[in-house]
């Protein structure tokens, strides 16, 4: 059922959010039927793109990551996506009472997982690691994910639209903070000598 919701969010988001609310998936079912599978798309595409295709700056040589380095970074990226969905979902559940959610069932992880759907799907573009192509595709995916967040949160949590807007804005802020924190952690890890290995 999860993958049916995935494609429904791309064609008819309002109806699909209603269906997701009625479905009441467990966290285990949500991860096994949706998150674990879709999060593999950007991870595998990134591995292939950075280790086999490579990227080029200007007229310089094509640069690639070694297979072992690309594999390690892809695994870390995959784990970070899985953990990020879980943590953001817990924040959503924590905020739910503050914004007067009509449904007190813990639906935060469901909200986070389905909102991230466009980002997971567009991750396939990483097979071609061109910075401008990836940035434009990423911008489109993030824009649609934000739309899903603002559109779906009032439906899934049974909140009036005005409070839903404030709630979604708070969730978006937490998501941005988590992203910045992840970048900071990456810099610390790389400074410890655990960084990418390049081959030309």
Protein backbone atom coordinates (compact mmCIF):
# COMPACT_ATOMS: atom_id res chain seq x y z
CA UNK A 1 0.00 0.00 0.00
CA UNK A 2 2.89 2.39 0.73
CA UNK A 3 4.10 2.56 -2.86
CA UNK A 4 0.54 3.26 -4.03
CA UNK A 5 0.56 6.25 -1.69
CA UNK A 6 3.92 7.28 -3.13
CA UNK A 7 2.60 7.70 -6.65
CA UNK A 8 -0.71 9.10 -5.44
CA UNK A 9 1.11 11.98 -3.76
CA UNK A 10 2.49 12.97 -7.15
CA UNK A 11 -0.88 12.96 -8.90
CA UNK A 12 -3.54 13.82 -6.30
CA UNK A 13 -1.93 14.90 -2.98
CA UNK A 14 -5.11 15.90 -1.09
CA UNK A 15 -6.90 12.62 -1.75
CA UNK A 16 -3.76 10.64 -1.00
CA UNK A 17 -3.15 12.38 2.35
CA UNK A 18 -6.70 11.40 3.33
CA UNK A 19 -6.00 7.80 2.31
CA UNK A 20 -2.74 7.81 4.29
CA UNK A 21 -4.55 9.08 7.38
CA UNK A 22 -7.15 6.30 7.13
CA UNK A 23 -4.48 3.65 6.47
CA UNK A 24 -2.72 4.15 9.86
CA UNK A 25 0.49 2.29 8.97
CA UNK A 26 2.83 1.16 11.72
CA UNK A 27 6.38 2.55 11.71
CA UNK A 28 7.73 -0.90 10.84
CA UNK A 29 5.39 -1.28 7.88
CA UNK A 30 6.09 2.27 6.74
CA UNK A 31 9.85 1.70 6.74
CA UNK A 32 9.73 -1.73 5.10
CA UNK A 33 7.16 -0.71 2.49
CA UNK A 34 8.33 2.81 1.70
CA UNK A 35 11.36 4.37 3.36
CA UNK A 36 13.94 1.55 3.10
CA UNK A 37 13.20 1.08 -0.58
CA UNK A 38 12.93 4.70 -1.73
CA UNK A 39 15.95 5.89 0.26
CA UNK A 40 18.03 3.40 -1.75
CA UNK A 41 17.39 5.41 -4.94
CA UNK A 42 19.62 8.42 -4.13
CA UNK A 43 22.14 6.25 -2.26
CA UNK A 44 22.67 3.81 -5.16
CA UNK A 45 22.52 6.55 -7.80
CA UNK A 46 25.10 8.57 -5.87
CA UNK A 47 27.37 5.54 -5.57
CA UNK A 48 27.22 4.83 -9.29
CA UNK A 49 27.54 8.46 -10.32
CA UNK A 50 30.53 9.30 -8.13
CA UNK A 51 32.45 6.05 -8.64
CA UNK A 52 31.70 5.22 -12.30
CA UNK A 53 30.64 8.41 -14.11
CA UNK A 54 32.46 11.13 -12.19
CA UNK A 55 32.28 14.89 -12.57
CA UNK A 56 34.26 17.57 -14.31
CA UNK A 57 34.96 21.18 -13.39
CA UNK A 58 35.43 23.34 -16.48
CA UNK A 59 37.84 21.70 -18.90
CA UNK A 60 39.62 19.76 -16.17
CA UNK A 61 39.94 16.02 -15.81
CA UNK A 62 36.99 13.85 -14.87
CA UNK A 63 37.16 13.15 -11.14
CA UNK A 64 35.69 10.09 -9.46
CA UNK A 65 35.63 8.61 -6.00
CA UNK A 66 37.26 5.27 -5.34
CA UNK A 67 34.75 2.44 -5.11
CA UNK A 68 35.43 1.90 -1.41
CA UNK A 69 35.10 5.60 -0.64
CA UNK A 70 31.89 5.97 -2.68
CA UNK A 71 30.44 2.88 -1.00
CA UNK A 72 31.23 4.16 2.50
CA UNK A 73 29.75 7.59 1.79
CA UNK A 74 26.64 6.05 0.20
CA UNK A 75 26.05 3.83 3.23
CA UNK A 76 26.47 6.81 5.58
CA UNK A 77 24.12 8.88 3.41
CA UNK A 78 21.53 6.08 3.41
CA UNK A 79 21.75 5.72 7.20
CA UNK A 80 21.47 9.50 7.62
CA UNK A 81 18.28 9.58 5.53
CA UNK A 82 16.69 6.77 7.55
CA UNK A 83 17.63 8.40 10.84
CA UNK A 84 16.60 11.86 9.64
CA UNK A 85 13.07 10.67 8.79
CA UNK A 86 12.73 9.09 12.24
CA UNK A 87 14.05 12.10 14.18
CA UNK A 88 12.00 14.63 12.20
CA UNK A 89 8.92 12.44 12.71
CA UNK A 90 9.46 12.46 16.47
CA UNK A 91 9.71 16.26 16.40
CA UNK A 92 6.39 16.41 14.53
CA UNK A 93 4.73 14.22 17.17
CA UNK A 94 6.23 16.41 19.91
CA UNK A 95 4.84 19.58 18.30
CA UNK A 96 1.41 18.04 17.61
CA UNK A 97 -0.05 18.76 21.05
CA UNK A 98 1.23 22.34 20.96
CA UNK A 99 -0.66 23.06 17.74
CA UNK A 100 -3.82 21.27 18.85
CA UNK A 101 -3.75 18.22 16.61
CA UNK A 102 -7.19 16.63 16.48
CA UNK A 103 -5.68 13.17 16.11
CA UNK A 104 -3.28 12.29 18.91
CA UNK A 105 -2.03 9.13 17.17
CA UNK A 106 1.73 9.36 16.51
CA UNK A 107 1.78 10.19 12.80
CA UNK A 108 4.96 12.25 12.67
CA UNK A 109 7.14 9.62 11.03
CA UNK A 110 4.41 9.00 8.45
CA UNK A 111 4.33 12.73 7.70
CA UNK A 112 8.11 12.97 7.41
CA UNK A 113 8.44 9.85 5.25
CA UNK A 114 5.81 10.76 2.69
CA UNK A 115 6.85 14.41 2.55
CA UNK A 116 10.37 13.26 1.59
CA UNK A 117 9.03 11.19 -1.33
CA UNK A 118 9.94 13.69 -4.11
CA UNK A 119 13.47 14.02 -2.73
CA UNK A 120 13.92 10.25 -2.72
CA UNK A 121 12.60 9.90 -6.27
CA UNK A 122 14.60 12.75 -7.79
CA UNK A 123 17.71 11.21 -6.24
CA UNK A 124 18.00 9.07 -9.38
CA UNK A 125 19.56 12.13 -11.06
CA UNK A 126 22.70 11.51 -8.98
CA UNK A 127 23.80 8.94 -11.57
CA UNK A 128 24.92 12.01 -13.53
CA UNK A 129 26.80 14.11 -10.94
CA UNK A 130 26.70 17.47 -12.68
CA UNK A 131 26.39 20.19 -10.05
CA UNK A 132 23.99 22.41 -12.03
CA UNK A 133 21.72 19.57 -13.14
CA UNK A 134 21.64 18.17 -9.61
CA UNK A 135 20.95 21.59 -8.07
CA UNK A 136 18.05 22.31 -10.39
CA UNK A 137 16.52 18.85 -9.92
CA UNK A 138 17.03 19.11 -6.16
CA UNK A 139 15.35 22.51 -6.07
CA UNK A 140 12.29 21.13 -7.87
CA UNK A 141 12.10 18.15 -5.49
CA UNK A 142 12.50 20.28 -2.35
CA UNK A 143 9.85 22.73 -3.57
CA UNK A 144 7.36 19.92 -4.08
CA UNK A 145 8.27 18.36 -0.72
CA UNK A 146 7.55 21.69 1.00
CA UNK A 147 4.22 21.85 -0.86
CA UNK A 148 3.36 18.34 0.37
CA UNK A 149 4.25 19.36 3.92
CA UNK A 150 2.01 22.42 3.95
CA UNK A 151 -0.80 20.66 2.10
CA UNK A 152 -0.70 17.37 3.99
CA UNK A 153 0.00 18.30 7.60
CA UNK A 154 -3.46 19.80 8.33
CA UNK A 155 -5.10 16.76 6.72
CA UNK A 156 -3.00 14.10 8.43
CA UNK A 157 -3.02 15.76 11.86
CA UNK A 158 -6.61 17.08 11.70
CA UNK A 159 -5.58 20.68 12.32
CA UNK A 160 -7.26 23.87 10.99
CA UNK A 161 -5.37 25.30 8.03
CA UNK A 162 -4.18 28.44 9.86
CA UNK A 163 -2.58 26.44 12.66
CA UNK A 164 -1.44 23.86 10.12
CA UNK A 165 0.51 26.58 8.32
CA UNK A 166 2.33 27.56 11.54
CA UNK A 167 2.92 23.90 12.41
CA UNK A 168 4.36 23.17 8.96
CA UNK A 169 6.61 26.22 9.21
CA UNK A 170 7.96 24.96 12.55
CA UNK A 171 8.62 21.51 11.02
CA UNK A 172 10.37 23.10 8.03
CA UNK A 173 12.59 25.09 10.40
CA UNK A 174 13.57 21.94 12.31
CA UNK A 175 14.32 20.20 9.00
CA UNK A 176 16.64 23.02 7.94
CA UNK A 177 18.42 22.95 11.31
CA UNK A 178 18.91 19.19 10.97
CA UNK A 179 20.36 19.69 7.47
CA UNK A 180 22.84 22.30 8.71
CA UNK A 181 23.79 20.04 11.62
CA UNK A 182 24.41 17.17 9.21
CA UNK A 183 26.72 19.38 7.14
CA UNK A 184 28.61 20.39 10.27
CA UNK A 185 29.01 16.75 11.33
CA UNK A 186 30.31 15.92 7.83
CA UNK A 187 32.94 18.66 8.09
CA UNK A 188 34.06 17.35 11.50
CA UNK A 189 34.30 13.77 10.20
CA UNK A 190 36.32 14.88 7.15
CA UNK A 191 38.65 16.95 9.35
CA UNK A 192 39.43 13.75 11.26
CA UNK A 193 40.80 12.24 8.06
CA UNK A 194 37.73 10.17 7.22
CA UNK A 195 37.01 11.84 3.90
CA UNK A 196 36.47 10.89 0.26
CA UNK A 197 39.28 9.34 -1.79
CA UNK A 198 39.48 10.76 -5.30
CA UNK A 199 40.71 9.03 -8.45
CA UNK A 200 41.17 10.57 -11.89
